[in-house]
């Protein structure tokens, strides 16, 4: 309730229309649904399925939406493709990953003062723990996650649960009215993450160890620094690379493996490096993982090495693997076939540019190249602009190679997709 009734980070009233676009399994949907319904506002439910940034922006404009929440990736894409559609918003919240300062500045220049809000928080504390209303000019090179919202506590502590000094890095521990009771049927993990709160006035109060490293800035707001453990954010989802490693280790043809996060121009991705005495292909490994793990746990790229690099202590050198990026065409099921028609050449170049590859064959599967939903929506928007045709996300998924998509586009040029 502290999220939507008497909240101090946004106001929603009878004159507001709130966008509902997040999947109901995503904790942000609690804000989208209950903020308008408990404050006399209107709920604008987006059409089902995945929308392009342009389609979502048009829906926001047509429904006169005044309050919207976007994942960081979607926030960046809409500002790149259709920023004018956001002009009617009173509150624009974004989060789930680190926000780009240039995109935040662009949004803040479009909207009223304080309308853009960086919302931070683990699911374990009900959607938002801290919020930062953005002002101009931006005071920091990064966008702070702000201060704890009403009914929420935030403590920056060292490994002994002692408060660190302002400016020093510590792990964020949070509590208050939004704190969950624990993890269902997982008492060990509950005991490890939900611990007694020595700072609370209420007997028996607990706080949650977020695993996020932060520091307090001179103005009192908090800045996200990184993760305590190996957990990473992939497209807004928290991912433990160790789970992916464990699944790959169970594959009979994989001898050794390391899964690390790599930074790309569009955020973070998982990369798997493995040793194998057999010619097991990356697509085969991807299919095996897809049967066992959620999509965001499946690495975007797989690289076979003769041996994994080691540190002087004999441990896998994960830092060097994180920096080991390549523009070479990944291992895919298809043989390379160059583009032939003008449409194929345009699409192959577009895919290569967006996915940072030297070349893309017309029979290469988009997902085997390391593509995912956010890249797909970006490419779909670019295609729509280039050919003045409506290309829906489902068209992309139904035609996942350059050759198939080029043939479909040639059918659509001059018409409207249904």
Protein backbone atom coordinates (compact mmCIF):
# COMPACT_ATOMS: atom_id res chain seq x y z
CA UNK A 1 0.00 0.00 0.00
CA UNK A 2 2.91 2.34 0.73
CA UNK A 3 3.68 2.15 -3.00
CA UNK A 4 0.43 3.73 -4.21
CA UNK A 5 -1.34 5.40 -1.25
CA UNK A 6 0.24 8.55 0.14
CA UNK A 7 3.37 7.95 -1.92
CA UNK A 8 5.96 10.70 -1.82
CA UNK A 9 7.63 9.94 -5.15
CA UNK A 10 4.60 10.50 -7.40
CA UNK A 11 0.98 11.61 -7.20
CA UNK A 12 -1.90 9.91 -9.00
CA UNK A 13 -5.44 11.29 -8.97
CA UNK A 14 -8.79 11.16 -10.78
CA UNK A 15 -7.43 13.15 -13.73
CA UNK A 16 -4.61 10.69 -14.41
CA UNK A 17 -4.37 7.83 -16.88
CA UNK A 18 -1.73 5.23 -16.02
CA UNK A 19 -0.21 2.94 -18.64
CA UNK A 20 -0.39 -0.80 -17.91
CA UNK A 21 2.19 -2.55 -20.10
CA UNK A 22 4.42 -4.59 -17.79
CA UNK A 23 3.66 -8.34 -17.62
CA UNK A 24 1.63 -9.17 -14.53
CA UNK A 25 4.46 -11.44 -13.36
CA UNK A 26 6.75 -8.39 -13.27
CA UNK A 27 6.60 -6.49 -9.98
CA UNK A 28 6.21 -3.11 -11.72
CA UNK A 29 2.68 -4.14 -12.66
CA UNK A 30 1.66 -3.63 -9.02
CA UNK A 31 2.32 0.08 -9.44
CA UNK A 32 0.67 0.26 -12.85
CA UNK A 33 -2.54 -1.46 -11.73
CA UNK A 34 -3.10 -0.23 -8.19
CA UNK A 35 -1.91 3.37 -8.46
CA UNK A 36 -4.88 4.41 -10.64
CA UNK A 37 -7.46 2.02 -9.18
CA UNK A 38 -6.85 3.10 -5.57
CA UNK A 39 -6.70 6.80 -6.41
CA UNK A 40 -9.69 7.20 -8.72
CA UNK A 41 -7.60 7.31 -11.88
CA UNK A 42 -7.92 5.50 -15.20
CA UNK A 43 -5.99 2.41 -16.29
CA UNK A 44 -4.92 2.23 -19.96
CA UNK A 45 -4.17 -1.42 -20.72
CA UNK A 46 -1.85 -1.75 -23.70
CA UNK A 47 -2.77 -4.20 -26.49
CA UNK A 48 -1.60 -7.76 -25.83
CA UNK A 49 1.74 -8.92 -27.15
CA UNK A 50 5.04 -7.18 -27.62
CA UNK A 51 4.74 -3.73 -29.18
CA UNK A 52 7.38 -1.81 -31.07
CA UNK A 53 8.57 1.39 -29.38
CA UNK A 54 6.63 3.34 -32.00
CA UNK A 55 3.41 1.41 -31.38
CA UNK A 56 3.69 1.81 -27.63
CA UNK A 57 4.45 5.51 -27.99
CA UNK A 58 1.39 5.92 -30.22
CA UNK A 59 -0.76 4.14 -27.62
CA UNK A 60 0.57 6.45 -24.90
CA UNK A 61 -0.29 9.46 -27.03
CA UNK A 62 -3.72 8.24 -28.20
CA UNK A 63 -4.84 7.25 -24.69
CA UNK A 64 -3.60 10.55 -23.20
CA UNK A 65 -1.48 8.64 -20.69
CA UNK A 66 -0.14 10.86 -17.89
CA UNK A 67 1.83 8.29 -15.85
CA UNK A 68 4.04 5.58 -17.37
CA UNK A 69 6.74 3.16 -16.26
CA UNK A 70 9.28 1.67 -18.67
CA UNK A 71 12.20 -0.68 -18.31
CA UNK A 72 15.52 1.02 -18.91
CA UNK A 73 15.91 -0.59 -22.34
CA UNK A 74 12.45 0.42 -23.51
CA UNK A 75 12.91 3.91 -22.06
CA UNK A 76 16.05 4.35 -24.14
CA UNK A 77 14.41 3.03 -27.32
CA UNK A 78 11.34 5.24 -27.10
CA UNK A 79 13.49 8.30 -26.56
CA UNK A 80 15.52 7.32 -29.62
CA UNK A 81 12.53 6.68 -31.89
CA UNK A 82 9.44 8.58 -30.70
CA UNK A 83 10.26 11.03 -27.89
CA UNK A 84 7.49 13.43 -28.87
CA UNK A 85 4.86 10.90 -27.76
CA UNK A 86 5.97 11.37 -24.15
CA UNK A 87 5.10 15.06 -24.06
CA UNK A 88 1.79 14.55 -22.21
CA UNK A 89 3.27 12.68 -19.25
CA UNK A 90 3.25 14.10 -15.73
CA UNK A 91 5.33 11.23 -14.39
CA UNK A 92 7.74 9.08 -16.40
CA UNK A 93 9.33 6.35 -14.30
CA UNK A 94 12.11 4.11 -15.58
CA UNK A 95 14.29 1.47 -14.01
CA UNK A 96 15.17 -2.19 -13.84
CA UNK A 97 18.71 -1.42 -14.97
CA UNK A 98 21.16 1.46 -15.14
CA UNK A 99 19.73 4.47 -17.00
CA UNK A 100 21.72 6.29 -19.65
CA UNK A 101 22.41 9.86 -18.53
CA UNK A 102 22.03 11.29 -22.08
CA UNK A 103 18.61 9.65 -22.44
CA UNK A 104 17.54 10.87 -19.00
CA UNK A 105 18.66 14.39 -19.89
CA UNK A 106 16.68 14.24 -23.14
CA UNK A 107 13.55 13.11 -21.31
CA UNK A 108 13.97 15.77 -18.63
CA UNK A 109 14.19 18.45 -21.30
CA UNK A 110 10.89 17.26 -22.82
CA UNK A 111 8.87 17.03 -19.61
CA UNK A 112 8.04 19.25 -16.62
CA UNK A 113 10.58 19.58 -13.83
CA UNK A 114 10.74 16.44 -11.70
CA UNK A 115 8.58 14.40 -14.08
CA UNK A 116 11.35 11.92 -14.91
CA UNK A 117 11.98 9.49 -12.05
CA UNK A 118 14.66 6.84 -11.74
CA UNK A 119 12.98 4.05 -9.79
CA UNK A 120 15.13 1.45 -8.06
CA UNK A 121 14.19 -1.56 -6.02
CA UNK A 122 14.36 -5.34 -5.69
CA UNK A 123 11.17 -7.36 -5.95
CA UNK A 124 11.72 -8.43 -2.34
CA UNK A 125 10.79 -4.91 -1.22
CA UNK A 126 7.79 -4.45 -3.52
CA UNK A 127 8.82 -2.67 -6.70
CA UNK A 128 10.47 0.54 -5.51
CA UNK A 129 12.87 1.09 -2.63
CA UNK A 130 14.44 4.38 -3.75
CA UNK A 131 13.41 6.98 -6.29
CA UNK A 132 15.24 9.92 -7.80
CA UNK A 133 13.31 12.76 -9.50
CA UNK A 134 15.61 14.13 -12.18
CA UNK A 135 16.38 17.82 -12.29
CA UNK A 136 18.30 19.89 -14.82
CA UNK A 137 21.14 20.30 -15.20
CA UNK A 138 22.14 16.77 -14.25
CA UNK A 139 24.35 17.00 -11.20
CA UNK A 140 26.12 13.67 -11.67
CA UNK A 141 27.68 11.68 -14.53
CA UNK A 142 25.44 8.78 -13.58
CA UNK A 143 21.79 8.94 -12.62
CA UNK A 144 21.37 8.36 -8.86
CA UNK A 145 18.82 5.88 -7.56
CA UNK A 146 17.79 8.53 -5.05
CA UNK A 147 16.45 8.21 -1.54
CA UNK A 148 14.15 5.66 0.12
CA UNK A 149 10.47 6.24 -0.49
CA UNK A 150 8.01 6.77 2.36
CA UNK A 151 7.59 3.69 4.55
CA UNK A 152 10.96 2.30 3.45
CA UNK A 153 14.39 2.18 5.07
CA UNK A 154 17.78 2.04 3.38
CA UNK A 155 21.12 1.42 5.08
CA UNK A 156 24.53 1.31 3.39
CA UNK A 157 26.57 -1.19 5.40
CA UNK A 158 29.91 -2.96 5.34
CA UNK A 159 30.33 -6.74 5.58
CA UNK A 160 29.95 -6.52 9.36
CA UNK A 161 26.64 -4.63 9.07
CA UNK A 162 28.22 -1.36 10.16
CA UNK A 163 27.21 1.89 8.41
CA UNK A 164 29.86 3.19 6.01
CA UNK A 165 30.74 6.85 5.74
CA UNK A 166 29.14 9.01 3.00
CA UNK A 167 31.00 8.46 -0.26
CA UNK A 168 32.20 4.99 0.72
CA UNK A 169 30.83 1.93 -1.05
CA UNK A 170 28.72 -0.53 0.90
CA UNK A 171 25.92 -3.03 0.40
CA UNK A 172 22.41 -1.64 0.42
CA UNK A 173 20.10 -3.17 3.04
CA UNK A 174 16.45 -2.21 2.92
CA UNK A 175 13.35 -2.72 5.02
CA UNK A 176 10.04 -1.20 5.93
CA UNK A 177 6.42 -1.73 5.02
CA UNK A 178 7.08 -3.22 1.59
CA UNK A 179 9.40 -6.00 2.72
CA UNK A 180 8.42 -9.54 1.78
CA UNK A 181 8.20 -12.31 4.35
CA UNK A 182 10.77 -14.38 2.51
CA UNK A 183 11.06 -16.89 -0.32
CA UNK A 184 8.37 -19.53 -0.72
CA UNK A 185 9.60 -22.98 0.30
CA UNK A 186 13.20 -21.78 0.61
CA UNK A 187 13.99 -21.25 4.30
CA UNK A 188 17.77 -21.30 3.78
CA UNK A 189 17.73 -18.50 1.21
CA UNK A 190 15.21 -16.58 3.32
CA UNK A 191 17.47 -16.78 6.37
CA UNK A 192 20.47 -15.67 4.33
CA UNK A 193 18.85 -12.66 2.66
CA UNK A 194 16.22 -11.51 5.19
CA UNK A 195 18.13 -10.74 8.37
CA UNK A 196 17.31 -9.00 11.70
CA UNK A 197 17.25 -5.21 11.40
CA UNK A 198 19.37 -3.71 14.20
CA UNK A 199 18.31 -0.19 13.23
CA UNK A 200 14.55 -0.68 13.55
CA UNK A 201 12.46 0.45 16.51
CA UNK A 202 10.02 -2.42 16.05
CA UNK A 203 10.92 -5.74 17.72
CA UNK A 204 11.42 -8.56 15.25
CA UNK A 205 11.88 -6.25 12.25
CA UNK A 206 14.01 -7.54 9.41
CA UNK A 207 15.87 -6.05 6.48
CA UNK A 208 16.84 -7.42 3.08
CA UNK A 209 20.40 -7.76 1.84
CA UNK A 210 20.04 -6.54 -1.74
CA UNK A 211 23.49 -7.55 -2.95
CA UNK A 212 23.74 -4.12 -4.59
CA UNK A 213 26.73 -1.91 -3.92
CA UNK A 214 25.92 1.78 -3.51
CA UNK A 215 27.40 4.95 -2.08
CA UNK A 216 25.85 8.06 -0.60
CA UNK A 217 26.46 11.20 -2.66
CA UNK A 218 27.03 14.65 -1.11
CA UNK A 219 23.36 15.56 -1.58
CA UNK A 220 22.25 12.48 0.36
CA UNK A 221 21.02 10.47 -2.62
CA UNK A 222 22.37 7.01 -3.37
CA UNK A 223 24.35 5.96 -6.42
CA UNK A 224 24.37 2.39 -7.74
CA UNK A 225 27.90 1.02 -8.10
CA UNK A 226 27.56 -2.68 -8.87
CA UNK A 227 26.83 -6.11 -7.42
CA UNK A 228 28.34 -7.77 -4.36
CA UNK A 229 28.22 -11.18 -5.97
CA UNK A 230 28.20 -12.33 -9.55
CA UNK A 231 24.54 -11.48 -10.12
CA UNK A 232 23.98 -9.25 -13.14
CA UNK A 233 21.05 -7.49 -14.75
CA UNK A 234 20.17 -8.78 -18.22
CA UNK A 235 17.37 -6.85 -19.94
CA UNK A 236 16.00 -5.85 -16.55
CA UNK A 237 16.09 -9.36 -15.06
CA UNK A 238 18.42 -10.34 -12.27
CA UNK A 239 20.54 -13.29 -13.43
CA UNK A 240 23.01 -15.47 -11.57
CA UNK A 241 25.59 -16.63 -14.15
CA UNK A 242 26.42 -19.56 -11.89
CA UNK A 243 23.02 -21.09 -12.65
CA UNK A 244 23.77 -20.97 -16.36
CA UNK A 245 27.23 -22.42 -15.76
CA UNK A 246 25.79 -25.27 -13.72
CA UNK A 247 23.34 -26.11 -16.50
CA UNK A 248 26.11 -26.07 -19.12
CA UNK A 249 28.32 -28.24 -16.94
CA UNK A 250 25.59 -30.85 -16.98
CA UNK A 251 25.84 -31.07 -20.78
CA UNK A 252 27.71 -34.27 -21.65
CA UNK A 253 29.93 -32.59 -24.27
CA UNK A 254 31.06 -29.64 -22.14
CA UNK A 255 34.31 -30.15 -20.23
CA UNK A 256 34.69 -26.75 -18.57
CA UNK A 257 32.72 -23.52 -18.78
CA UNK A 258 32.61 -19.95 -17.55
CA UNK A 259 29.69 -17.58 -18.01
CA UNK A 260 30.33 -13.86 -17.60
CA UNK A 261 28.57 -10.58 -18.24
CA UNK A 262 29.84 -8.36 -21.03
CA UNK A 263 29.00 -4.73 -21.64
CA UNK A 264 27.60 -3.80 -25.06
CA UNK A 265 26.22 -0.58 -26.45
CA UNK A 266 22.70 -1.78 -25.55
CA UNK A 267 23.44 -2.87 -21.98
CA UNK A 268 24.72 -6.17 -20.65
CA UNK A 269 24.73 -9.64 -22.14
CA UNK A 270 25.77 -13.09 -20.99
CA UNK A 271 28.68 -14.74 -22.77
CA UNK A 272 29.58 -18.41 -22.36
CA UNK A 273 33.11 -19.72 -22.87
CA UNK A 274 33.58 -23.46 -22.86
CA UNK A 275 36.01 -26.30 -23.45
CA UNK A 276 34.90 -29.40 -25.28
CA UNK A 277 36.59 -32.44 -26.77
CA UNK A 278 33.71 -32.73 -29.22
CA UNK A 279 32.42 -30.43 -31.95
CA UNK A 280 29.30 -29.44 -30.04
CA UNK A 281 27.79 -26.37 -31.69
CA UNK A 282 26.64 -23.18 -30.03
CA UNK A 283 23.07 -23.63 -31.36
CA UNK A 284 22.96 -27.09 -29.77
CA UNK A 285 24.04 -25.66 -26.42
CA UNK A 286 21.55 -22.81 -26.75
CA UNK A 287 18.71 -25.24 -27.44
CA UNK A 288 19.69 -27.37 -24.44
CA UNK A 289 19.70 -24.36 -22.13
CA UNK A 290 16.42 -23.05 -23.54
CA UNK A 291 14.72 -26.26 -22.45
CA UNK A 292 15.92 -25.77 -18.88
CA UNK A 293 16.31 -22.04 -18.14
CA UNK A 294 14.39 -18.79 -18.69
CA UNK A 295 15.39 -16.84 -21.84
CA UNK A 296 17.41 -14.22 -19.96
CA UNK A 297 19.62 -16.98 -18.48
CA UNK A 298 20.65 -18.16 -21.96
CA UNK A 299 23.91 -16.53 -23.12
CA UNK A 300 23.82 -14.33 -26.19
CA UNK A 301 27.14 -15.70 -27.42
CA UNK A 302 28.98 -19.01 -27.04
CA UNK A 303 32.72 -19.30 -27.67
CA UNK A 304 34.69 -22.56 -27.71
CA UNK A 305 38.23 -22.23 -26.35
CA UNK A 306 41.07 -24.73 -26.19
CA UNK A 307 41.39 -23.80 -22.53
CA UNK A 308 39.86 -21.20 -20.24
CA UNK A 309 42.28 -18.46 -19.14
CA UNK A 310 43.46 -18.67 -15.55
CA UNK A 311 44.74 -16.17 -13.01
CA UNK A 312 48.01 -16.56 -11.13
CA UNK A 313 46.00 -18.26 -8.39
CA UNK A 314 44.74 -20.89 -10.79
CA UNK A 315 41.20 -19.57 -10.92
CA UNK A 316 39.31 -18.84 -14.13
CA UNK A 317 40.19 -15.31 -15.20
CA UNK A 318 36.67 -13.97 -15.54
CA UNK A 319 37.82 -10.40 -15.91
CA UNK A 320 39.70 -11.19 -19.11
CA UNK A 321 36.74 -13.18 -20.41
CA UNK A 322 34.42 -10.23 -19.77
CA UNK A 323 36.69 -8.11 -21.96
CA UNK A 324 37.01 -10.79 -24.66
CA UNK A 325 34.45 -9.55 -27.18
CA UNK A 326 34.49 -10.22 -30.89
CA UNK A 327 32.74 -8.93 -33.98
CA UNK A 328 33.19 -12.26 -35.72
CA UNK A 329 30.07 -14.05 -36.88
CA UNK A 330 29.05 -16.50 -34.12
CA UNK A 331 28.79 -20.24 -34.51
CA UNK A 332 25.36 -20.82 -36.07
CA UNK A 333 23.66 -23.78 -37.70
CA UNK A 334 23.69 -22.32 -41.22
CA UNK A 335 26.58 -21.91 -43.64
CA UNK A 336 27.38 -18.33 -44.59
CA UNK A 337 25.48 -17.08 -47.64
CA UNK A 338 25.93 -13.40 -48.55
CA UNK A 339 22.96 -11.12 -49.20
CA UNK A 340 21.89 -10.76 -52.81
CA UNK A 341 18.88 -8.47 -53.19
CA UNK A 342 18.87 -4.80 -52.12
CA UNK A 343 16.48 -5.58 -49.25
CA UNK A 344 18.68 -8.46 -48.06
CA UNK A 345 21.77 -6.24 -48.17
CA UNK A 346 20.02 -3.51 -46.16
CA UNK A 347 18.77 -5.99 -43.54
CA UNK A 348 22.09 -7.82 -43.23
CA UNK A 349 23.92 -4.53 -42.68
CA UNK A 350 21.30 -3.37 -40.16
CA UNK A 351 21.54 -6.60 -38.18
CA UNK A 352 25.34 -6.43 -38.24
CA UNK A 353 25.37 -2.81 -37.06
CA UNK A 354 22.91 -3.34 -34.21
CA UNK A 355 24.48 -6.61 -33.00
CA UNK A 356 28.04 -5.33 -33.53
CA UNK A 357 29.07 -8.05 -35.99
CA UNK A 358 31.31 -7.84 -39.04
CA UNK A 359 28.90 -9.77 -41.23
CA UNK A 360 25.55 -11.56 -41.19
CA UNK A 361 24.51 -14.27 -43.61
CA UNK A 362 21.02 -14.31 -45.05
CA UNK A 363 20.30 -17.75 -43.55
CA UNK A 364 21.62 -16.92 -40.06
CA UNK A 365 19.01 -17.22 -37.33
CA UNK A 366 18.57 -13.94 -35.44
CA UNK A 367 18.54 -15.61 -32.03
CA UNK A 368 21.57 -17.78 -32.79
CA UNK A 369 23.44 -14.56 -33.56
CA UNK A 370 22.71 -13.37 -30.01
CA UNK A 371 19.53 -11.41 -30.68
CA UNK A 372 16.81 -10.88 -28.10
CA UNK A 373 13.50 -9.03 -27.75
CA UNK A 374 14.93 -5.55 -27.16
CA UNK A 375 17.22 -5.82 -30.19
CA UNK A 376 14.29 -7.16 -32.20
CA UNK A 377 12.12 -4.16 -31.37
CA UNK A 378 14.96 -1.81 -32.27
CA UNK A 379 15.51 -3.50 -35.64
CA UNK A 380 11.76 -3.63 -36.29
CA UNK A 381 11.48 0.10 -35.75
CA UNK A 382 14.42 0.77 -38.09
CA UNK A 383 12.89 -1.45 -40.77
CA UNK A 384 9.54 0.31 -40.48
CA UNK A 385 11.18 3.70 -40.94
CA UNK A 386 13.31 2.53 -43.87
CA UNK A 387 10.51 0.92 -45.87
CA UNK A 388 7.54 2.95 -44.65
CA UNK A 389 5.81 -0.31 -43.74
CA UNK A 390 4.32 -1.57 -40.49
CA UNK A 391 6.49 -4.46 -39.33
CA UNK A 392 5.09 -6.09 -36.20
CA UNK A 393 7.28 -7.97 -33.71
CA UNK A 394 5.53 -11.23 -34.54
CA UNK A 395 6.60 -10.84 -38.18
CA UNK A 396 10.20 -10.72 -36.99
CA UNK A 397 9.84 -13.83 -34.86
CA UNK A 398 8.05 -15.71 -37.64
CA UNK A 399 10.81 -14.78 -40.11
CA UNK A 400 14.03 -14.94 -38.05
CA UNK A 401 16.52 -14.88 -40.94
CA UNK A 402 17.45 -12.08 -43.31
CA UNK A 403 16.24 -14.10 -46.29
CA UNK A 404 12.84 -14.84 -44.77
CA UNK A 405 12.32 -11.33 -43.46
CA UNK A 406 13.42 -9.74 -46.74
CA UNK A 407 10.89 -11.85 -48.64
CA UNK A 408 8.14 -10.84 -46.21
CA UNK A 409 9.05 -7.15 -46.44
CA UNK A 410 8.95 -7.27 -50.22
CA UNK A 411 5.39 -8.58 -49.91
CA UNK A 412 4.46 -5.74 -47.56
CA UNK A 413 6.03 -2.79 -49.36
CA UNK A 414 3.25 -0.59 -50.54
CA UNK A 415 0.68 -2.30 -48.31
CA UNK A 416 -0.30 -2.57 -44.67
CA UNK A 417 0.41 -5.66 -42.63
CA UNK A 418 -2.52 -7.39 -41.01
